[in-house]
Amino acid sequence: ELDLEALRILGPRASQTTRSWLVVGLVADSSHPSERVAEVVRSTLEVGEGFVSVAVHVTDGDAARRGRLLEALQAQFGDQLRAGRLHALHAAEDLYPARVARRDNLDYAFLLMF
């Protein structure tokens, strides 16, 4: 059985936050620069202020790049993280099948389950 809390890398547990009307899920990998991810997060939170939360699934396998993105999100969105309006998750490599073609489906499934 998959422990969804084990996927969480930023943001408080869901039970510790207020509920949002809508959670927007984003998949961020090495093809998405940190600045662009932050821009999308910022605009989504601004447009949906008070109603929308954002969950970013960081799929980058490179720990250094993943760390830079997480640091950028923490620096720019500390208030939103503490309020439970922004969450980040990362699924371990062993949760994915060997065939790359199926990875995208799992990325979106993790977001839906979260």
PDB file of N, CA and C in Angstrom:
ATOM      1  N   GLU A   1       0.843  -1.180   0.000  1.00  0.00           N
ATOM      2  CA  GLU A   1       0.000   0.000   0.000  1.00  0.00           C
ATOM      3  C   GLU A   1       0.887   1.242   0.000  1.00  0.00           C
ATOM      4  N   LEU A   2       0.515   2.211  -0.795  1.00  0.00           N
ATOM      5  CA  LEU A   2       1.281   3.445  -0.934  1.00  0.00           C
ATOM      6  C   LEU A   2       0.935   4.416   0.187  1.00  0.00           C
ATOM      7  N   ASP A   3       1.958   4.890   0.894  1.00  0.00           N
ATOM      8  CA  ASP A   3       1.786   5.888   1.945  1.00  0.00           C
ATOM      9  C   ASP A   3       1.917   7.266   1.311  1.00  0.00           C
ATOM     10  N   LEU A   4       0.805   7.963   1.140  1.00  0.00           N
ATOM     11  CA  LEU A   4       0.830   9.265   0.472  1.00  0.00           C
ATOM     12  C   LEU A   4       1.659  10.286   1.235  1.00  0.00           C
ATOM     13  N   GLU A   5       1.696  10.190   2.551  1.00  0.00           N
ATOM     14  CA  GLU A   5       2.508  11.131   3.329  1.00  0.00           C
ATOM     15  C   GLU A   5       3.995  10.955   3.039  1.00  0.00           C
ATOM     16  N   ALA A   6       4.394   9.757   2.625  1.00  0.00           N
ATOM     17  CA  ALA A   6       5.794   9.517   2.283  1.00  0.00           C
ATOM     18  C   ALA A   6       6.188  10.272   1.016  1.00  0.00           C
ATOM     19  N   LEU A   7       5.217  10.664   0.196  1.00  0.00           N
ATOM     20  CA  LEU A   7       5.496  11.422  -1.026  1.00  0.00           C
ATOM     21  C   LEU A   7       5.721  12.905  -0.736  1.00  0.00           C
ATOM     22  N   ARG A   8       5.209  13.406   0.389  1.00  0.00           N
ATOM     23  CA  ARG A   8       5.252  14.840   0.708  1.00  0.00           C
ATOM     24  C   ARG A   8       6.688  15.284   0.980  1.00  0.00           C
ATOM     25  N   ILE A   9       7.120  16.356   0.303  1.00  0.00           N
ATOM     26  CA  ILE A   9       8.437  16.923   0.569  1.00  0.00           C
ATOM     27  C   ILE A   9       8.348  18.378   1.016  1.00  0.00           C
ATOM     28  N   LEU A  10       7.241  19.045   0.775  1.00  0.00           N
ATOM     29  CA  LEU A  10       7.006  20.412   1.259  1.00  0.00           C
ATOM     30  C   LEU A  10       5.538  20.567   1.605  1.00  0.00           C
ATOM     31  N   GLY A  11       5.261  21.367   2.607  1.00  0.00           N
ATOM     32  CA  GLY A  11       3.880  21.658   2.985  1.00  0.00           C
ATOM     33  C   GLY A  11       3.425  20.785   4.134  1.00  0.00           C
ATOM     34  N   PRO A  12       2.483  21.281   4.921  1.00  0.00           N
ATOM     35  CA  PRO A  12       1.983  20.521   6.065  1.00  0.00           C
ATOM     36  C   PRO A  12       1.079  19.376   5.626  1.00  0.00           C
ATOM     37  N   ARG A  13       0.845  18.451   6.531  1.00  0.00           N
ATOM     38  CA  ARG A  13      -0.086  17.365   6.244  1.00  0.00           C
ATOM     39  C   ARG A  13      -1.452  17.953   5.942  1.00  0.00           C
ATOM     40  N   ALA A  14      -2.195  17.285   5.087  1.00  0.00           N
ATOM     41  CA  ALA A  14      -3.508  17.782   4.668  1.00  0.00           C
ATOM     42  C   ALA A  14      -4.438  17.984   5.856  1.00  0.00           C
ATOM     43  N   SER A  15      -4.343  17.140   6.871  1.00  0.00           N
ATOM     44  CA  SER A  15      -5.228  17.272   8.026  1.00  0.00           C
ATOM     45  C   SER A  15      -4.905  18.506   8.858  1.00  0.00           C
ATOM     46  N   GLN A  16      -3.746  19.130   8.627  1.00  0.00           N
ATOM     47  CA  GLN A  16      -3.335  20.305   9.383  1.00  0.00           C
ATOM     48  C   GLN A  16      -3.654  21.604   8.656  1.00  0.00           C
ATOM     49  N   THR A  17      -4.312  21.540   7.548  1.00  0.00           N
ATOM     50  CA  THR A  17      -4.569  22.736   6.751  1.00  0.00           C
ATOM     51  C   THR A  17      -6.056  22.924   6.527  1.00  0.00           C
ATOM     52  N   THR A  18      -6.383  24.126   6.103  1.00  0.00           N
ATOM     53  CA  THR A  18      -7.770  24.373   5.734  1.00  0.00           C
ATOM     54  C   THR A  18      -8.021  23.777   4.357  1.00  0.00           C
ATOM     55  N   ARG A  19      -9.211  23.388   4.108  1.00  0.00           N
ATOM     56  CA  ARG A  19      -9.565  22.790   2.823  1.00  0.00           C
ATOM     57  C   ARG A  19      -9.699  23.861   1.751  1.00  0.00           C
ATOM     58  N   SER A  20      -9.292  23.501   0.560  1.00  0.00           N
ATOM     59  CA  SER A  20      -9.433  24.377  -0.597  1.00  0.00           C
ATOM     60  C   SER A  20     -10.587  23.882  -1.441  1.00  0.00           C
ATOM     61  N   TRP A  21     -11.137  24.785  -2.178  1.00  0.00           N
ATOM     62  CA  TRP A  21     -12.206  24.429  -3.093  1.00  0.00           C
ATOM     63  C   TRP A  21     -11.651  23.624  -4.258  1.00  0.00           C
ATOM     64  N   LEU A  22     -10.417  23.942  -4.653  1.00  0.00           N
ATOM     65  CA  LEU A  22      -9.788  23.289  -5.793  1.00  0.00           C
ATOM     66  C   LEU A  22      -8.293  23.159  -5.537  1.00  0.00           C
ATOM     67  N   VAL A  23      -7.736  22.005  -5.853  1.00  0.00           N
ATOM     68  CA  VAL A  23      -6.289  21.812  -5.803  1.00  0.00           C
ATOM     69  C   VAL A  23      -5.811  21.628  -7.235  1.00  0.00           C
ATOM     70  N   VAL A  24      -4.897  22.490  -7.658  1.00  0.00           N
ATOM     71  CA  VAL A  24      -4.328  22.423  -9.003  1.00  0.00           C
ATOM     72  C   VAL A  24      -3.021  21.649  -8.910  1.00  0.00           C
ATOM     73  N   GLY A  25      -2.899  20.594  -9.701  1.00  0.00           N
ATOM     74  CA  GLY A  25      -1.696  19.777  -9.705  1.00  0.00           C
ATOM     75  C   GLY A  25      -0.800  20.107 -10.882  1.00  0.00           C
ATOM     76  N   LEU A  26       0.490  20.237 -10.603  1.00  0.00           N
ATOM     77  CA  LEU A  26       1.492  20.515 -11.634  1.00  0.00           C
ATOM     78  C   LEU A  26       2.569  19.444 -11.566  1.00  0.00           C
ATOM     79  N   VAL A  27       3.046  19.019 -12.717  1.00  0.00           N
ATOM     80  CA  VAL A  27       4.182  18.109 -12.775  1.00  0.00           C
ATOM     81  C   VAL A  27       5.386  18.928 -13.210  1.00  0.00           C
ATOM     82  N   ALA A  28       6.450  18.890 -12.397  1.00  0.00           N
ATOM     83  CA  ALA A  28       7.666  19.651 -12.701  1.00  0.00           C
ATOM     84  C   ALA A  28       8.830  18.677 -12.830  1.00  0.00           C
ATOM     85  N   ASP A  29       9.463  18.669 -14.005  1.00  0.00           N
ATOM     86  CA  ASP A  29      10.634  17.825 -14.206  1.00  0.00           C
ATOM     87  C   ASP A  29      11.791  18.684 -14.691  1.00  0.00           C
ATOM     88  N   SER A  30      12.863  18.044 -15.131  1.00  0.00           N
ATOM     89  CA  SER A  30      14.062  18.786 -15.521  1.00  0.00           C
ATOM     90  C   SER A  30      13.838  19.679 -16.737  1.00  0.00           C
ATOM     91  N   SER A  31      12.772  19.458 -17.494  1.00  0.00           N
ATOM     92  CA  SER A  31      12.511  20.311 -18.654  1.00  0.00           C
ATOM     93  C   SER A  31      11.813  21.614 -18.261  1.00  0.00           C
ATOM     94  N   HIS A  32      11.408  21.728 -17.004  1.00  0.00           N
ATOM     95  CA  HIS A  32      10.728  22.930 -16.519  1.00  0.00           C
ATOM     96  C   HIS A  32      11.675  23.720 -15.612  1.00  0.00           C
ATOM     97  N   PRO A  33      12.177  24.869 -16.062  1.00  0.00           N
ATOM     98  CA  PRO A  33      13.065  25.668 -15.213  1.00  0.00           C
ATOM     99  C   PRO A  33      12.357  26.095 -13.926  1.00  0.00           C
ATOM    100  N   SER A  34      13.121  26.191 -12.843  1.00  0.00           N
ATOM    101  CA  SER A  34      12.563  26.590 -11.543  1.00  0.00           C
ATOM    102  C   SER A  34      11.789  27.891 -11.634  1.00  0.00           C
ATOM    103  N   GLU A  35      12.303  28.836 -12.420  1.00  0.00           N
ATOM    104  CA  GLU A  35      11.644  30.141 -12.545  1.00  0.00           C
ATOM    105  C   GLU A  35      10.254  29.998 -13.155  1.00  0.00           C
ATOM    106  N   ARG A  36      10.132  29.127 -14.136  1.00  0.00           N
ATOM    107  CA  ARG A  36       8.834  28.923 -14.795  1.00  0.00           C
ATOM    108  C   ARG A  36       7.847  28.231 -13.849  1.00  0.00           C
ATOM    109  N   VAL A  37       8.321  27.245 -13.116  1.00  0.00           N
ATOM    110  CA  VAL A  37       7.460  26.564 -12.146  1.00  0.00           C
ATOM    111  C   VAL A  37       6.965  27.572 -11.111  1.00  0.00           C
ATOM    112  N   ALA A  38       7.881  28.401 -10.593  1.00  0.00           N
ATOM    113  CA  ALA A  38       7.499  29.413  -9.601  1.00  0.00           C
ATOM    114  C   ALA A  38       6.500  30.404 -10.184  1.00  0.00           C
ATOM    115  N   GLU A  39       6.680  30.775 -11.440  1.00  0.00           N
ATOM    116  CA  GLU A  39       5.754  31.709 -12.102  1.00  0.00           C
ATOM    117  C   GLU A  39       4.346  31.109 -12.197  1.00  0.00           C
ATOM    118  N   VAL A  40       4.262  29.845 -12.565  1.00  0.00           N
ATOM    119  CA  VAL A  40       2.958  29.181 -12.675  1.00  0.00           C
ATOM    120  C   VAL A  40       2.316  29.045 -11.292  1.00  0.00           C
ATOM    121  N   VAL A  41       3.107  28.682 -10.289  1.00  0.00           N
ATOM    122  CA  VAL A  41       2.585  28.576  -8.922  1.00  0.00           C
ATOM    123  C   VAL A  41       2.060  29.926  -8.459  1.00  0.00           C
ATOM    124  N   ARG A  42       2.850  30.981  -8.659  1.00  0.00           N
ATOM    125  CA  ARG A  42       2.454  32.323  -8.228  1.00  0.00           C
ATOM    126  C   ARG A  42       1.142  32.762  -8.899  1.00  0.00           C
ATOM    127  N   SER A  43       1.056  32.610 -10.202  1.00  0.00           N
ATOM    128  CA  SER A  43      -0.148  33.069 -10.900  1.00  0.00           C
ATOM    129  C   SER A  43      -1.368  32.241 -10.496  1.00  0.00           C
ATOM    130  N   THR A  44      -1.187  30.956 -10.283  1.00  0.00           N
ATOM    131  CA  THR A  44      -2.309  30.105  -9.870  1.00  0.00           C
ATOM    132  C   THR A  44      -2.798  30.494  -8.483  1.00  0.00           C
ATOM    133  N   LEU A  45      -1.876  30.722  -7.561  1.00  0.00           N
ATOM    134  CA  LEU A  45      -2.265  31.114  -6.206  1.00  0.00           C
ATOM    135  C   LEU A  45      -2.919  32.492  -6.189  1.00  0.00           C
ATOM    136  N   GLU A  46      -2.422  33.409  -7.014  1.00  0.00           N
ATOM    137  CA  GLU A  46      -3.011  34.754  -7.062  1.00  0.00           C
ATOM    138  C   GLU A  46      -4.429  34.725  -7.620  1.00  0.00           C
ATOM    139  N   VAL A  47      -4.622  33.999  -8.698  1.00  0.00           N
ATOM    140  CA  VAL A  47      -5.938  33.934  -9.333  1.00  0.00           C
ATOM    141  C   VAL A  47      -6.948  33.251  -8.414  1.00  0.00           C
ATOM    142  N   GLY A  48      -6.506  32.227  -7.715  1.00  0.00           N
ATOM    143  CA  GLY A  48      -7.429  31.469  -6.879  1.00  0.00           C
ATOM    144  C   GLY A  48      -7.304  31.763  -5.402  1.00  0.00           C
ATOM    145  N   GLU A  49      -6.888  32.975  -5.058  1.00  0.00           N
ATOM    146  CA  GLU A  49      -6.654  33.320  -3.650  1.00  0.00           C
ATOM    147  C   GLU A  49      -7.863  32.983  -2.783  1.00  0.00           C
ATOM    148  N   GLY A  50      -7.601  32.215  -1.752  1.00  0.00           N
ATOM    149  CA  GLY A  50      -8.652  31.833  -0.829  1.00  0.00           C
ATOM    150  C   GLY A  50      -9.423  30.591  -1.230  1.00  0.00           C
ATOM    151  N   PHE A  51      -9.265  30.148  -2.454  1.00  0.00           N
ATOM    152  CA  PHE A  51     -10.042  29.006  -2.941  1.00  0.00           C
ATOM    153  C   PHE A  51      -9.184  27.875  -3.498  1.00  0.00           C
ATOM    154  N   VAL A  52      -7.974  28.196  -3.936  1.00  0.00           N
ATOM    155  CA  VAL A  52      -7.153  27.234  -4.665  1.00  0.00           C
ATOM    156  C   VAL A  52      -5.859  26.940  -3.914  1.00  0.00           C
ATOM    157  N   SER A  53      -5.489  25.677  -3.908  1.00  0.00           N
ATOM    158  CA  SER A  53      -4.178  25.246  -3.436  1.00  0.00           C
ATOM    159  C   SER A  53      -3.446  24.635  -4.623  1.00  0.00           C
ATOM    160  N   VAL A  54      -2.131  24.543  -4.507  1.00  0.00           N
ATOM    161  CA  VAL A  54      -1.316  23.991  -5.587  1.00  0.00           C
ATOM    162  C   VAL A  54      -0.488  22.831  -5.036  1.00  0.00           C
ATOM    163  N   ALA A  55      -0.481  21.724  -5.762  1.00  0.00           N
ATOM    164  CA  ALA A  55       0.373  20.579  -5.458  1.00  0.00           C
ATOM    165  C   ALA A  55       1.333  20.409  -6.630  1.00  0.00           C
ATOM    166  N   VAL A  56       2.628  20.508  -6.352  1.00  0.00           N
ATOM    167  CA  VAL A  56       3.650  20.363  -7.386  1.00  0.00           C
ATOM    168  C   VAL A  56       4.306  18.997  -7.206  1.00  0.00           C
ATOM    169  N   HIS A  57       4.172  18.152  -8.229  1.00  0.00           N
ATOM    170  CA  HIS A  57       4.838  16.851  -8.200  1.00  0.00           C
ATOM    171  C   HIS A  57       6.188  17.026  -8.880  1.00  0.00           C
ATOM    172  N   VAL A  58       7.254  17.008  -8.089  1.00  0.00           N
ATOM    173  CA  VAL A  58       8.611  17.211  -8.592  1.00  0.00           C
ATOM    174  C   VAL A  58       9.149  15.847  -9.010  1.00  0.00           C
ATOM    175  N   THR A  59       9.214  15.625 -10.317  1.00  0.00           N
ATOM    176  CA  THR A  59       9.584  14.304 -10.834  1.00  0.00           C
ATOM    177  C   THR A  59      11.049  14.187 -11.207  1.00  0.00           C
ATOM    178  N   ASP A  60      11.800  15.256 -11.080  1.00  0.00           N
ATOM    179  CA  ASP A  60      13.207  15.246 -11.467  1.00  0.00           C
ATOM    180  C   ASP A  60      13.980  14.230 -10.628  1.00  0.00           C
ATOM    181  N   GLY A  61      14.678  13.314 -11.285  1.00  0.00           N
ATOM    182  CA  GLY A  61      15.468  12.306 -10.590  1.00  0.00           C
ATOM    183  C   GLY A  61      16.783  12.837 -10.057  1.00  0.00           C
ATOM    184  N   ASP A  62      17.216  13.990 -10.539  1.00  0.00           N
ATOM    185  CA  ASP A  62      18.467  14.588 -10.085  1.00  0.00           C
ATOM    186  C   ASP A  62      18.214  15.318  -8.765  1.00  0.00           C
ATOM    187  N   ALA A  63      18.803  14.817  -7.692  1.00  0.00           N
ATOM    188  CA  ALA A  63      18.557  15.377  -6.358  1.00  0.00           C
ATOM    189  C   ALA A  63      18.992  16.840  -6.256  1.00  0.00           C
ATOM    190  N   ALA A  64      20.068  17.217  -6.933  1.00  0.00           N
ATOM    191  CA  ALA A  64      20.541  18.604  -6.859  1.00  0.00           C
ATOM    192  C   ALA A  64      19.545  19.554  -7.522  1.00  0.00           C
ATOM    193  N   ARG A  65      19.059  19.202  -8.715  1.00  0.00           N
ATOM    194  CA  ARG A  65      18.067  20.055  -9.390  1.00  0.00           C
ATOM    195  C   ARG A  65      16.772  20.111  -8.594  1.00  0.00           C
ATOM    196  N   ARG A  66      16.362  18.961  -8.071  1.00  0.00           N
ATOM    197  CA  ARG A  66      15.149  18.908  -7.257  1.00  0.00           C
ATOM    198  C   ARG A  66      15.317  19.805  -6.025  1.00  0.00           C
ATOM    199  N   GLY A  67      16.477  19.746  -5.404  1.00  0.00           N
ATOM    200  CA  GLY A  67      16.752  20.579  -4.232  1.00  0.00           C
ATOM    201  C   GLY A  67      16.701  22.056  -4.546  1.00  0.00           C
ATOM    202  N   ARG A  68      17.229  22.453  -5.703  1.00  0.00           N
ATOM    203  CA  ARG A  68      17.190  23.875  -6.089  1.00  0.00           C
ATOM    204  C   ARG A  68      15.758  24.352  -6.283  1.00  0.00           C
ATOM    205  N   LEU A  69      14.931  23.521  -6.905  1.00  0.00           N
ATOM    206  CA  LEU A  69      13.530  23.894  -7.097  1.00  0.00           C
ATOM    207  C   LEU A  69      12.831  24.023  -5.747  1.00  0.00           C
ATOM    208  N   LEU A  70      13.056  23.080  -4.859  1.00  0.00           N
ATOM    209  CA  LEU A  70      12.411  23.130  -3.546  1.00  0.00           C
ATOM    210  C   LEU A  70      12.864  24.348  -2.745  1.00  0.00           C
ATOM    211  N   GLU A  71      14.146  24.676  -2.823  1.00  0.00           N
ATOM    212  CA  GLU A  71      14.648  25.875  -2.145  1.00  0.00           C
ATOM    213  C   GLU A  71      13.990  27.126  -2.705  1.00  0.00           C
ATOM    214  N   ALA A  72      13.840  27.184  -4.019  1.00  0.00           N
ATOM    215  CA  ALA A  72      13.196  28.347  -4.643  1.00  0.00           C
ATOM    216  C   ALA A  72      11.742  28.459  -4.196  1.00  0.00           C
ATOM    217  N   LEU A  73      11.034  27.346  -4.147  1.00  0.00           N
ATOM    218  CA  LEU A  73       9.636  27.373  -3.705  1.00  0.00           C
ATOM    219  C   LEU A  73       9.537  27.801  -2.244  1.00  0.00           C
ATOM    220  N   GLN A  74      10.427  27.294  -1.397  1.00  0.00           N
ATOM    221  CA  GLN A  74      10.408  27.676   0.016  1.00  0.00           C
ATOM    222  C   GLN A  74      10.702  29.157   0.193  1.00  0.00           C
ATOM    223  N   ALA A  75      11.662  29.665  -0.563  1.00  0.00           N
ATOM    224  CA  ALA A  75      12.040  31.074  -0.438  1.00  0.00           C
ATOM    225  C   ALA A  75      10.932  32.007  -0.919  1.00  0.00           C
ATOM    226  N   GLN A  76      10.256  31.642  -1.993  1.00  0.00           N
ATOM    227  CA  GLN A  76       9.256  32.527  -2.587  1.00  0.00           C
ATOM    228  C   GLN A  76       7.855  32.347  -2.025  1.00  0.00           C
ATOM    229  N   PHE A  77       7.570  31.172  -1.462  1.00  0.00           N
ATOM    230  CA  PHE A  77       6.194  30.872  -1.064  1.00  0.00           C
ATOM    231  C   PHE A  77       6.094  30.347   0.366  1.00  0.00           C
ATOM    232  N   GLY A  78       6.929  30.862   1.250  1.00  0.00           N
ATOM    233  CA  GLY A  78       6.924  30.404   2.638  1.00  0.00           C
ATOM    234  C   GLY A  78       5.567  30.542   3.302  1.00  0.00           C
ATOM    235  N   ASP A  79       4.916  31.684   3.112  1.00  0.00           N
ATOM    236  CA  ASP A  79       3.600  31.901   3.728  1.00  0.00           C
ATOM    237  C   ASP A  79       2.573  30.905   3.199  1.00  0.00           C
ATOM    238  N   GLN A  80       2.586  30.675   1.899  1.00  0.00           N
ATOM    239  CA  GLN A  80       1.631  29.752   1.291  1.00  0.00           C
ATOM    240  C   GLN A  80       1.899  28.309   1.733  1.00  0.00           C
ATOM    241  N   LEU A  81       3.172  27.958   1.906  1.00  0.00           N
ATOM    242  CA  LEU A  81       3.512  26.622   2.397  1.00  0.00           C
ATOM    243  C   LEU A  81       2.986  26.425   3.814  1.00  0.00           C
ATOM    244  N   ARG A  82       3.242  27.399   4.684  1.00  0.00           N
ATOM    245  CA  ARG A  82       2.779  27.291   6.071  1.00  0.00           C
ATOM    246  C   ARG A  82       1.259  27.253   6.162  1.00  0.00           C
ATOM    247  N   ALA A  83       0.588  27.955   5.261  1.00  0.00           N
ATOM    248  CA  ALA A  83      -0.877  27.989   5.265  1.00  0.00           C
ATOM    249  C   ALA A  83      -1.493  26.749   4.615  1.00  0.00           C
ATOM    250  N   GLY A  84      -0.651  25.895   4.039  1.00  0.00           N
ATOM    251  CA  GLY A  84      -1.179  24.699   3.381  1.00  0.00           C
ATOM    252  C   GLY A  84      -1.741  24.963   2.004  1.00  0.00           C
ATOM    253  N   ARG A  85      -1.386  26.096   1.420  1.00  0.00           N
ATOM    254  CA  ARG A  85      -1.865  26.436   0.077  1.00  0.00           C
ATOM    255  C   ARG A  85      -0.938  25.910  -1.009  1.00  0.00           C
ATOM    256  N   LEU A  86       0.273  25.506  -0.623  1.00  0.00           N
ATOM    257  CA  LEU A  86       1.245  24.958  -1.570  1.00  0.00           C
ATOM    258  C   LEU A  86       1.834  23.693  -0.967  1.00  0.00           C
ATOM    259  N   HIS A  87       1.878  22.658  -1.772  1.00  0.00           N
ATOM    260  CA  HIS A  87       2.458  21.379  -1.371  1.00  0.00           C
ATOM    261  C   HIS A  87       3.373  20.914  -2.494  1.00  0.00           C
ATOM    262  N   ALA A  88       4.393  20.162  -2.133  1.00  0.00           N
ATOM    263  CA  ALA A  88       5.260  19.538  -3.130  1.00  0.00           C
ATOM    264  C   ALA A  88       5.423  18.076  -2.751  1.00  0.00           C
ATOM    265  N   LEU A  89       5.452  17.235  -3.763  1.00  0.00           N
ATOM    266  CA  LEU A  89       5.642  15.818  -3.528  1.00  0.00           C
ATOM    267  C   LEU A  89       6.638  15.266  -4.530  1.00  0.00           C
ATOM    268  N   HIS A  90       7.215  14.132  -4.164  1.00  0.00           N
ATOM    269  CA  HIS A  90       8.177  13.446  -5.029  1.00  0.00           C
ATOM    270  C   HIS A  90       8.021  11.954  -4.795  1.00  0.00           C
ATOM    271  N   ALA A  91       7.811  11.211  -5.863  1.00  0.00           N
ATOM    272  CA  ALA A  91       7.688   9.755  -5.779  1.00  0.00           C
ATOM    273  C   ALA A  91       9.046   9.118  -6.043  1.00  0.00           C
ATOM    274  N   ALA A  92       9.402   8.159  -5.221  1.00  0.00           N
ATOM    275  CA  ALA A  92      10.673   7.453  -5.379  1.00  0.00           C
ATOM    276  C   ALA A  92      10.712   6.719  -6.717  1.00  0.00           C
ATOM    277  N   GLU A  93      11.893   6.587  -7.240  1.00  0.00           N
ATOM    278  CA  GLU A  93      12.092   5.954  -8.550  1.00  0.00           C
ATOM    279  C   GLU A  93      11.537   4.528  -8.595  1.00  0.00           C
ATOM    280  N   ASP A  94      11.595   3.816  -7.484  1.00  0.00           N
ATOM    281  CA  ASP A  94      11.137   2.421  -7.496  1.00  0.00           C
ATOM    282  C   ASP A  94       9.617   2.279  -7.608  1.00  0.00           C
ATOM    283  N   LEU A  95       8.878   3.376  -7.540  1.00  0.00           N
ATOM    284  CA  LEU A  95       7.428   3.329  -7.728  1.00  0.00           C
ATOM    285  C   LEU A  95       7.031   3.364  -9.207  1.00  0.00           C
ATOM    286  N   TYR A  96       8.001   3.613 -10.069  1.00  0.00           N
ATOM    287  CA  TYR A  96       7.744   3.729 -11.505  1.00  0.00           C
ATOM    288  C   TYR A  96       8.088   2.440 -12.241  1.00  0.00           C
ATOM    289  N   PRO A  97       7.380   2.173 -13.348  1.00  0.00           N
ATOM    290  CA  PRO A  97       7.743   1.009 -14.173  1.00  0.00           C
ATOM    291  C   PRO A  97       9.014   1.298 -14.963  1.00  0.00           C
ATOM    292  N   ALA A  98       9.608   0.249 -15.492  1.00  0.00           N
ATOM    293  CA  ALA A  98      10.840   0.398 -16.266  1.00  0.00           C
ATOM    294  C   ALA A  98      10.608   1.155 -17.570  1.00  0.00           C
ATOM    295  N   ARG A  99       9.421   1.025 -18.160  1.00  0.00           N
ATOM    296  CA  ARG A  99       9.133   1.682 -19.439  1.00  0.00           C
ATOM    297  C   ARG A  99       8.808   3.147 -19.216  1.00  0.00           C
ATOM    298  N   VAL A 100       9.568   4.016 -19.848  1.00  0.00           N
ATOM    299  CA  VAL A 100       9.398   5.458 -19.693  1.00  0.00           C
ATOM    300  C   VAL A 100       8.031   5.934 -20.173  1.00  0.00           C
ATOM    301  N   ALA A 101       7.478   5.291 -21.182  1.00  0.00           N
ATOM    302  CA  ALA A 101       6.209   5.740 -21.769  1.00  0.00           C
ATOM    303  C   ALA A 101       5.073   5.773 -20.754  1.00  0.00           C
ATOM    304  N   ARG A 102       5.173   5.012 -19.692  1.00  0.00           N
ATOM    305  CA  ARG A 102       4.093   4.947 -18.705  1.00  0.00           C
ATOM    306  C   ARG A 102       4.319   5.884 -17.515  1.00  0.00           C
ATOM    307  N   ARG A 103       5.444   6.533 -17.440  1.00  0.00           N
ATOM    308  CA  ARG A 103       5.764   7.393 -16.300  1.00  0.00           C
ATOM    309  C   ARG A 103       4.780   8.546 -16.155  1.00  0.00           C
ATOM    310  N   ASP A 104       4.406   9.177 -17.260  1.00  0.00           N
ATOM    311  CA  ASP A 104       3.489  10.316 -17.190  1.00  0.00           C
ATOM    312  C   ASP A 104       2.177   9.936 -16.524  1.00  0.00           C
ATOM    313  N   ASN A 105       1.664   8.762 -16.865  1.00  0.00           N
ATOM    314  CA  ASN A 105       0.412   8.318 -16.252  1.00  0.00           C
ATOM    315  C   ASN A 105       0.542   8.232 -14.738  1.00  0.00           C
ATOM    316  N   LEU A 106       1.662   7.713 -14.260  1.00  0.00           N
ATOM    317  CA  LEU A 106       1.865   7.618 -12.816  1.00  0.00           C
ATOM    318  C   LEU A 106       2.043   8.987 -12.182  1.00  0.00           C
ATOM    319  N   ASP A 107       2.730   9.899 -12.870  1.00  0.00           N
ATOM    320  CA  ASP A 107       2.887  11.256 -12.336  1.00  0.00           C
ATOM    321  C   ASP A 107       1.525  11.865 -12.034  1.00  0.00           C
ATOM    322  N   TYR A 108       0.619  11.749 -12.968  1.00  0.00           N
ATOM    323  CA  TYR A 108      -0.720  12.313 -12.771  1.00  0.00           C
ATOM    324  C   TYR A 108      -1.516  11.519 -11.740  1.00  0.00           C
ATOM    325  N   ALA A 109      -1.312  10.220 -11.681  1.00  0.00           N
ATOM    326  CA  ALA A 109      -2.004   9.403 -10.675  1.00  0.00           C
ATOM    327  C   ALA A 109      -1.571   9.790  -9.268  1.00  0.00           C
ATOM    328  N   PHE A 110      -0.276  10.044  -9.077  1.00  0.00           N
ATOM    329  CA  PHE A 110       0.196  10.477  -7.760  1.00  0.00           C
ATOM    330  C   PHE A 110      -0.459  11.798  -7.366  1.00  0.00           C
ATOM    331  N   LEU A 111      -0.574  12.718  -8.318  1.00  0.00           N
ATOM    332  CA  LEU A 111      -1.231  13.995  -8.021  1.00  0.00           C
ATOM    333  C   LEU A 111      -2.693  13.787  -7.650  1.00  0.00           C
ATOM    334  N   LEU A 112      -3.391  12.933  -8.380  1.00  0.00           N
ATOM    335  CA  LEU A 112      -4.805  12.684  -8.084  1.00  0.00           C
ATOM    336  C   LEU A 112      -4.991  12.036  -6.719  1.00  0.00           C
ATOM    337  N   MET A 113      -4.114  11.119  -6.362  1.00  0.00           N
ATOM    338  CA  MET A 113      -4.227  10.446  -5.070  1.00  0.00           C
ATOM    339  C   MET A 113      -3.889  11.378  -3.925  1.00  0.00           C
ATOM    340  N   PHE A 114      -3.015  12.337  -4.180  1.00  0.00           N
ATOM    341  CA  PHE A 114      -2.574  13.266  -3.145  1.00  0.00           C
ATOM    342  C   PHE A 114      -3.732  14.125  -2.713  1.00  0.00           C
TER     343      PHE A 114
END
